Amino acid sequence: MLPSSSPFSPGLISILHPSPAILDLPRLTSLAQRNNLTTYDASYLDLAIRLAAPLATLDDALRKAALAEGLPVL
């Protein structure tokens, strides 16, 4: 339970810490291999894809992968 003074809503927490059922390791591995990324970086890319959100990054490889996957990059 979050303290009443917490700036985070329960919905935000569930996005930041998705349940294990949402994490699809074969999907992450495929995304990582397809874009020559670590699975760590691919997890950020996958989250942006699932949320249909732009990806904010200064990492060149992650930026190129996001563009290749059709995501806008900030």
Protein backbone atom coordinates (compact mmCIF):
# COMPACT_ATOMS: atom_id res chain seq x y z
CA MET A 1 0.00 0.00 0.00
CA LEU A 2 1.30 3.43 -0.94
CA PRO A 3 1.41 6.15 1.72
CA SER A 4 -1.19 8.88 1.22
CA SER A 5 1.64 11.35 0.56
CA SER A 6 3.02 9.25 -2.32
CA PRO A 7 3.16 11.10 -5.67
CA PHE A 8 2.54 7.81 -7.48
CA SER A 9 -0.86 6.43 -8.27
CA PRO A 10 -1.44 2.66 -8.10
CA GLY A 11 -1.92 2.68 -11.90
CA LEU A 12 1.51 4.24 -12.42
CA ILE A 13 3.09 1.69 -10.12
CA SER A 14 1.55 -1.17 -12.11
CA ILE A 15 3.05 0.27 -15.32
CA LEU A 16 6.48 0.72 -13.73
CA HIS A 17 6.39 -2.79 -12.25
CA PRO A 18 4.39 -4.94 -14.67
CA SER A 19 3.29 -8.33 -13.47
CA PRO A 20 5.45 -11.26 -14.59
CA ALA A 21 2.62 -12.42 -16.87
CA ILE A 22 3.12 -9.26 -18.95
CA LEU A 23 6.84 -9.90 -19.40
CA ASP A 24 7.31 -12.05 -22.48
CA LEU A 25 10.92 -13.23 -22.54
CA PRO A 26 10.76 -14.82 -26.01
CA ARG A 27 9.37 -11.52 -27.33
CA LEU A 28 12.13 -9.54 -25.58
CA THR A 29 14.81 -11.90 -26.88
CA SER A 30 13.48 -11.62 -30.42
CA LEU A 31 13.28 -7.83 -30.19
CA ALA A 32 16.84 -7.70 -28.80
CA GLN A 33 18.25 -9.97 -31.51
CA ARG A 34 16.37 -8.22 -34.33
CA ASN A 35 17.73 -4.82 -33.25
CA ASN A 36 21.13 -5.92 -31.89
CA LEU A 37 20.25 -4.76 -28.35
CA THR A 38 20.72 -6.19 -24.89
CA THR A 39 17.54 -7.63 -23.40
CA TYR A 40 17.78 -4.82 -20.83
CA ASP A 41 17.52 -2.19 -23.59
CA ALA A 42 14.95 -4.26 -25.46
CA SER A 43 12.73 -4.22 -22.35
CA TYR A 44 12.51 -0.41 -22.56
CA LEU A 45 11.78 -0.63 -26.26
CA ASP A 46 9.13 -3.29 -25.65
CA LEU A 47 7.44 -1.16 -22.98
CA ALA A 48 7.29 1.82 -25.33
CA ILE A 49 5.84 -0.42 -28.04
CA ARG A 50 3.20 -1.88 -25.71
CA LEU A 51 2.23 1.58 -24.43
CA ALA A 52 2.36 3.10 -27.94
CA ALA A 53 4.55 5.79 -26.41
CA PRO A 54 7.54 7.66 -27.81
CA LEU A 55 10.91 6.55 -26.47
CA ALA A 56 13.17 9.09 -24.80
CA THR A 57 16.81 8.03 -25.09
CA LEU A 58 20.27 9.33 -25.82
CA ASP A 59 21.51 5.82 -26.64
CA ASP A 60 22.20 5.63 -30.38
CA ALA A 61 21.49 1.90 -30.75
CA LEU A 62 18.22 2.17 -28.83
CA ARG A 63 17.22 5.25 -30.85
CA LYS A 64 17.86 3.40 -34.12
CA ALA A 65 15.94 0.36 -32.89
CA ALA A 66 12.94 2.48 -31.86
CA LEU A 67 12.87 4.16 -35.25
CA ALA A 68 13.16 0.76 -36.98
CA GLU A 69 10.18 -0.45 -34.93
CA GLY A 70 8.18 2.62 -35.98
CA LEU A 71 8.31 4.50 -32.68
CA PRO A 72 8.91 8.21 -32.40
CA VAL A 73 12.01 9.14 -30.42
CA LEU A 74 12.32 12.15 -28.15
